[in-house]
N, C-alpha and C. Protein backbone atom coordinates (compact mmCIF):
# COMPACT_ATOMS: atom_id res chain seq x y z
N MET A 1 0.83 -1.14 0.06
CA MET A 1 -0.07 -0.08 -0.11
C MET A 1 0.99 1.25 -0.01
N THR A 2 0.60 2.24 -0.82
CA THR A 2 1.36 3.50 -0.90
C THR A 2 1.08 4.36 0.22
N THR A 3 1.95 5.38 0.36
CA THR A 3 1.58 6.28 1.38
C THR A 3 0.36 7.21 1.10
N GLY A 4 0.11 7.40 -0.33
CA GLY A 4 -0.95 8.13 -0.67
C GLY A 4 -2.15 7.26 -0.44
N THR A 5 -2.32 6.11 -0.61
CA THR A 5 -3.47 5.31 -0.23
C THR A 5 -3.71 5.26 1.35
N LYS A 6 -2.78 5.13 2.01
CA LYS A 6 -3.05 5.29 3.43
C LYS A 6 -3.64 6.56 3.92
N GLN A 7 -3.13 7.66 3.39
CA GLN A 7 -3.61 9.00 3.71
C GLN A 7 -5.02 9.08 3.17
N LEU A 8 -5.38 8.55 2.00
CA LEU A 8 -6.89 8.45 1.72
C LEU A 8 -7.74 7.74 2.83
N GLU A 9 -7.18 6.57 3.09
CA GLU A 9 -7.90 5.73 4.02
C GLU A 9 -8.11 6.57 5.55
N SER A 10 -7.14 7.22 6.00
CA SER A 10 -7.18 7.95 7.18
C SER A 10 -8.10 9.18 7.00
N ASP A 11 -8.09 9.88 5.80
CA ASP A 11 -9.03 10.94 5.57
C ASP A 11 -10.34 10.38 5.54
N PHE A 12 -10.70 9.25 4.82
CA PHE A 12 -11.99 8.80 4.70
C PHE A 12 -12.46 8.47 6.31
N GLN A 13 -11.55 7.90 6.93
CA GLN A 13 -11.96 7.54 8.32
C GLN A 13 -12.28 8.74 9.10
N ALA A 14 -11.69 9.67 9.08
CA ALA A 14 -11.88 10.92 9.87
C ALA A 14 -13.24 11.62 9.39
N GLN A 15 -13.38 11.64 8.07
CA GLN A 15 -14.66 12.11 7.56
C GLN A 15 -15.86 11.26 8.04
N ALA A 16 -15.66 9.96 7.84
CA ALA A 16 -16.83 9.05 8.34
C ALA A 16 -17.12 9.24 9.85
N ILE A 17 -16.18 9.36 10.76
CA ILE A 17 -16.34 9.51 11.97
C ILE A 17 -17.18 10.90 12.24
N LYS A 18 -16.73 11.98 11.51
CA LYS A 18 -17.32 13.24 11.64
C LYS A 18 -18.80 13.14 11.24
N LEU A 19 -19.09 12.42 10.06
CA LEU A 19 -20.53 12.42 9.68
C LEU A 19 -21.35 11.64 10.61
N ILE A 20 -20.84 10.44 11.13
CA ILE A 20 -21.67 9.69 12.01
C ILE A 20 -21.98 10.49 13.24
N LYS A 21 -21.08 11.37 13.82
CA LYS A 21 -21.34 12.12 14.94
C LYS A 21 -22.34 13.21 14.63
N GLN A 22 -22.09 13.95 13.50
CA GLN A 22 -23.04 14.98 12.91
C GLN A 22 -24.56 14.40 12.88
N MET A 23 -24.59 13.09 12.48
CA MET A 23 -26.01 12.64 12.43
C MET A 23 -26.51 12.01 13.73
N GLY A 24 -25.75 12.23 14.76
CA GLY A 24 -26.19 11.91 16.14
C GLY A 24 -25.83 10.48 16.63
N GLY A 25 -24.95 9.97 15.94
CA GLY A 25 -24.39 8.60 16.29
C GLY A 25 -23.20 8.60 17.24
N TYR A 26 -23.08 7.55 18.03
CA TYR A 26 -21.89 7.44 18.85
C TYR A 26 -20.98 6.45 18.02
N VAL A 27 -19.67 6.84 17.91
CA VAL A 27 -18.79 5.92 17.15
C VAL A 27 -17.43 5.61 17.82
N ILE A 28 -17.02 4.54 17.58
CA ILE A 28 -15.69 3.91 18.06
C ILE A 28 -14.97 3.51 17.06
N LYS A 29 -13.64 3.99 16.89
CA LYS A 29 -12.75 3.52 16.06
C LYS A 29 -11.99 2.17 16.35
N ILE A 30 -11.95 1.29 15.75
CA ILE A 30 -11.37 -0.09 16.13
C ILE A 30 -10.00 -0.01 15.70
N HIS A 31 -8.98 -0.08 16.66
CA HIS A 31 -7.46 -0.21 16.38
C HIS A 31 -7.21 -1.59 16.49
N VAL A 32 -6.53 -2.24 15.43
CA VAL A 32 -6.04 -3.47 15.48
C VAL A 32 -4.74 -3.54 16.23
N SER A 33 -4.71 -4.39 17.17
CA SER A 33 -3.55 -4.61 17.87
C SER A 33 -3.46 -5.95 18.49
N ALA A 34 -2.48 -6.32 19.39
CA ALA A 34 -2.43 -7.57 19.86
C ALA A 34 -3.57 -7.92 20.88
N TYR A 35 -4.25 -6.86 21.18
CA TYR A 35 -5.28 -7.05 22.14
C TYR A 35 -6.73 -7.00 21.48
N GLU A 36 -6.71 -6.61 20.27
CA GLU A 36 -8.04 -6.78 19.26
C GLU A 36 -7.98 -7.91 18.40
N SER A 37 -9.08 -8.46 18.07
CA SER A 37 -9.10 -9.51 17.18
C SER A 37 -9.00 -9.09 15.76
N GLN A 38 -8.40 -9.81 14.87
CA GLN A 38 -8.32 -9.41 13.44
C GLN A 38 -9.49 -9.58 12.76
N GLY A 39 -9.69 -8.56 11.81
CA GLY A 39 -10.92 -8.62 10.83
C GLY A 39 -12.07 -7.79 11.39
N GLU A 40 -11.96 -7.20 12.63
CA GLU A 40 -13.07 -6.34 13.03
C GLU A 40 -13.37 -5.14 12.22
N PRO A 41 -14.57 -4.71 12.10
CA PRO A 41 -14.86 -3.63 11.30
C PRO A 41 -14.14 -2.22 11.79
N ASP A 42 -13.89 -1.40 10.95
CA ASP A 42 -12.98 -0.10 11.17
C ASP A 42 -13.82 0.71 12.22
N LEU A 43 -15.18 0.88 12.06
CA LEU A 43 -15.96 1.81 12.94
C LEU A 43 -17.05 0.99 13.43
N VAL A 44 -17.44 0.98 14.75
CA VAL A 44 -18.44 0.60 15.43
C VAL A 44 -19.34 1.60 15.89
N CYS A 45 -20.63 1.74 15.75
CA CYS A 45 -21.26 2.85 16.29
C CYS A 45 -22.72 2.39 16.81
N CYS A 46 -23.47 3.18 17.46
CA CYS A 46 -24.83 3.10 17.97
C CYS A 46 -25.51 4.27 17.25
N TYR A 47 -26.49 3.95 16.57
CA TYR A 47 -27.38 4.93 15.77
C TYR A 47 -28.84 4.62 16.08
N LEU A 48 -29.50 5.55 16.74
CA LEU A 48 -30.97 5.20 17.14
C LEU A 48 -31.11 3.92 17.69
N GLY A 49 -30.23 3.48 18.62
CA GLY A 49 -30.36 2.48 19.37
C GLY A 49 -29.90 1.18 18.64
N ARG A 50 -29.32 1.22 17.58
CA ARG A 50 -28.90 0.16 16.58
C ARG A 50 -27.48 -0.03 16.55
N PHE A 51 -27.06 -1.34 16.53
CA PHE A 51 -25.61 -1.58 16.51
C PHE A 51 -25.19 -1.57 15.00
N VAL A 52 -24.35 -0.68 14.64
CA VAL A 52 -23.89 -0.48 13.19
C VAL A 52 -22.47 -0.66 13.17
N ALA A 53 -21.94 -1.37 12.14
CA ALA A 53 -20.47 -1.50 11.93
C ALA A 53 -20.11 -1.17 10.42
N PHE A 54 -19.03 -0.31 10.21
CA PHE A 54 -18.75 -0.14 8.90
C PHE A 54 -17.04 -0.47 8.72
N GLU A 55 -16.94 -1.29 7.60
CA GLU A 55 -15.58 -1.53 7.24
C GLU A 55 -15.33 -0.64 6.01
N LEU A 56 -14.38 0.43 6.31
CA LEU A 56 -14.15 1.33 5.39
C LEU A 56 -13.09 0.96 4.23
N LYS A 57 -13.32 1.18 3.11
CA LYS A 57 -12.49 0.70 1.86
C LYS A 57 -12.37 1.85 1.03
N VAL A 58 -11.19 2.07 0.45
CA VAL A 58 -10.90 3.03 -0.66
C VAL A 58 -10.98 2.31 -1.93
N LYS A 59 -11.03 3.02 -3.01
CA LYS A 59 -11.32 2.54 -4.25
C LYS A 59 -10.27 1.44 -4.56
N GLY A 60 -10.71 0.21 -5.06
CA GLY A 60 -9.82 -0.73 -5.59
C GLY A 60 -9.47 -1.86 -4.38
N ASN A 61 -9.90 -1.58 -3.25
CA ASN A 61 -9.71 -2.40 -2.03
C ASN A 61 -10.87 -3.14 -1.74
N LYS A 62 -10.95 -4.38 -1.47
CA LYS A 62 -12.14 -5.24 -1.18
C LYS A 62 -11.85 -5.80 0.43
N PRO A 63 -12.99 -6.15 1.00
CA PRO A 63 -12.81 -6.80 2.25
C PRO A 63 -12.19 -8.15 2.23
N SER A 64 -11.33 -8.36 3.14
CA SER A 64 -10.77 -9.79 3.21
C SER A 64 -11.88 -10.87 3.52
N GLN A 65 -11.52 -12.15 3.49
CA GLN A 65 -12.53 -13.18 3.63
C GLN A 65 -12.78 -13.16 5.32
N LEU A 66 -11.77 -12.61 6.04
CA LEU A 66 -12.12 -12.63 7.49
C LEU A 66 -13.01 -11.41 7.79
N GLN A 67 -12.85 -10.35 7.08
CA GLN A 67 -13.67 -9.24 7.30
C GLN A 67 -15.17 -9.36 6.72
N ASP A 68 -15.23 -10.18 5.70
CA ASP A 68 -16.52 -10.59 5.35
C ASP A 68 -17.38 -11.41 6.24
N TYR A 69 -16.39 -12.39 6.88
CA TYR A 69 -17.13 -13.14 7.80
C TYR A 69 -17.59 -12.45 9.17
N LYS A 70 -16.82 -11.56 9.39
CA LYS A 70 -17.24 -10.85 10.57
C LYS A 70 -18.41 -9.93 10.36
N ILE A 71 -18.52 -9.44 9.09
CA ILE A 71 -19.77 -8.64 8.69
C ILE A 71 -21.02 -9.47 8.84
N LYS A 72 -20.73 -10.82 8.12
CA LYS A 72 -21.91 -11.62 8.27
C LYS A 72 -22.37 -12.06 9.74
N LYS A 73 -21.37 -12.29 10.59
CA LYS A 73 -21.70 -12.60 11.93
C LYS A 73 -22.47 -11.41 12.58
N ILE A 74 -22.06 -10.19 12.42
CA ILE A 74 -22.71 -9.07 12.92
C ILE A 74 -24.13 -9.24 12.41
N ILE A 75 -24.41 -9.34 11.07
CA ILE A 75 -25.67 -9.23 10.63
C ILE A 75 -26.62 -10.54 11.32
N GLN A 76 -25.95 -11.83 11.33
CA GLN A 76 -26.60 -12.77 11.89
C GLN A 76 -27.04 -12.51 13.37
N SER A 77 -26.34 -11.64 14.06
CA SER A 77 -26.57 -11.28 15.31
C SER A 77 -27.61 -10.25 15.47
N GLY A 78 -28.14 -9.75 14.43
CA GLY A 78 -29.05 -8.61 14.49
C GLY A 78 -28.61 -7.42 14.34
N GLY A 79 -27.36 -7.09 14.12
CA GLY A 79 -26.75 -5.86 13.99
C GLY A 79 -26.71 -5.51 12.34
N ILE A 80 -26.22 -4.26 12.11
CA ILE A 80 -26.12 -3.78 10.74
C ILE A 80 -24.73 -3.63 10.45
N ALA A 81 -24.22 -4.13 9.34
CA ALA A 81 -22.76 -4.08 8.99
C ALA A 81 -22.56 -4.13 7.55
N LYS A 82 -21.55 -3.35 7.12
CA LYS A 82 -21.37 -3.21 5.59
C LYS A 82 -20.07 -2.60 5.40
N ALA A 83 -19.43 -3.01 4.25
CA ALA A 83 -18.15 -2.53 3.79
C ALA A 83 -18.80 -1.30 2.84
N VAL A 84 -18.06 -0.08 3.03
CA VAL A 84 -18.44 1.13 2.34
C VAL A 84 -17.18 1.77 1.78
N TYR A 85 -17.56 2.42 0.68
CA TYR A 85 -16.49 2.87 -0.15
C TYR A 85 -16.60 4.51 -0.21
N SER A 86 -17.66 5.02 0.54
CA SER A 86 -17.99 6.45 0.34
C SER A 86 -18.75 7.02 1.47
N LEU A 87 -18.71 8.25 1.67
CA LEU A 87 -19.39 8.79 2.88
C LEU A 87 -20.96 8.77 2.49
N GLU A 88 -21.27 8.91 1.16
CA GLU A 88 -22.64 8.67 0.76
C GLU A 88 -23.38 7.28 1.08
N GLU A 89 -22.45 6.23 1.15
CA GLU A 89 -22.90 4.95 1.43
C GLU A 89 -23.12 4.80 2.93
N ILE A 90 -22.30 5.59 3.79
CA ILE A 90 -22.62 5.70 5.27
C ILE A 90 -23.86 6.26 5.59
N GLN A 91 -24.04 7.40 4.81
CA GLN A 91 -25.28 8.10 4.96
C GLN A 91 -26.49 7.53 4.62
N GLU A 92 -26.48 6.77 3.53
CA GLU A 92 -27.68 5.86 3.10
C GLU A 92 -27.96 5.03 4.04
N VAL A 93 -27.10 4.23 4.86
CA VAL A 93 -27.32 3.36 5.77
C VAL A 93 -28.09 4.05 6.94
N LEU A 94 -27.35 5.16 7.28
CA LEU A 94 -28.04 5.69 8.62
C LEU A 94 -29.39 6.33 8.28
N HIS A 95 -29.58 6.84 6.86
CA HIS A 95 -30.97 7.35 6.77
C HIS A 95 -31.93 6.17 6.63
N GLU A 96 -31.64 5.06 6.18
CA GLU A 96 -32.36 3.90 6.01
C GLU A 96 -32.96 3.51 7.55
N ILE A 97 -31.87 3.58 8.51
CA ILE A 97 -32.32 3.23 9.77
C ILE A 97 -33.22 4.27 10.29
N PHE A 98 -32.92 5.42 10.11
CA PHE A 98 -33.87 6.61 10.56
C PHE A 98 -35.24 6.47 9.82
N ARG A 99 -35.31 6.08 8.66
CA ARG A 99 -36.54 5.84 7.87
C ARG A 99 -37.38 4.67 8.55
N VAL A 100 -36.71 3.51 8.92
CA VAL A 100 -37.39 2.44 9.51
C VAL A 100 -37.88 2.95 10.82
N GLN A 101 -37.17 3.61 11.61
CA GLN A 101 -37.43 3.90 13.00
C GLN A 101 -38.49 5.10 13.08
N TYR A 102 -38.47 6.03 11.99
CA TYR A 102 -39.42 7.01 11.94
C TYR A 102 -40.46 7.21 10.97
N GLY A 103 -40.25 6.36 9.97
CA GLY A 103 -41.04 6.45 8.74
C GLY A 103 -40.74 7.36 7.61
N SER A 104 -39.63 8.12 7.94
CA SER A 104 -39.35 9.25 6.91
C SER A 104 -37.72 9.43 7.00
N LYS A 105 -37.14 10.09 6.05
CA LYS A 105 -35.71 10.43 6.15
C LYS A 105 -35.49 11.64 7.03
N PRO A 106 -34.37 11.83 7.59
CA PRO A 106 -34.05 12.98 8.49
C PRO A 106 -34.05 14.31 7.47
N GLU A 107 -34.45 15.34 8.17
CA GLU A 107 -34.31 16.53 7.25
C GLU A 107 -33.03 17.26 7.30
């Protein structure tokens, strides 16, 4: 991975965290370390009482098999999880949660 790609990923992450907070969500950035399990989504949040996890990807990257597995396990457990490539995708997920909860999109 080039330095430019890492910067794009960190920029995307910072923008995603800001967006989730602006929309009223609580968000935690998962840092992979010896104490964290591999393959966990990058961001875990609570939005309108729902457990939501996002695996952030920049153009050209795809989730690993382990990341796909973790996303499927979250969904099977009743949470919402998705690999996303843009802020618009994150916003769509959160808008859909809002729509299901309140019957309309947020203003």
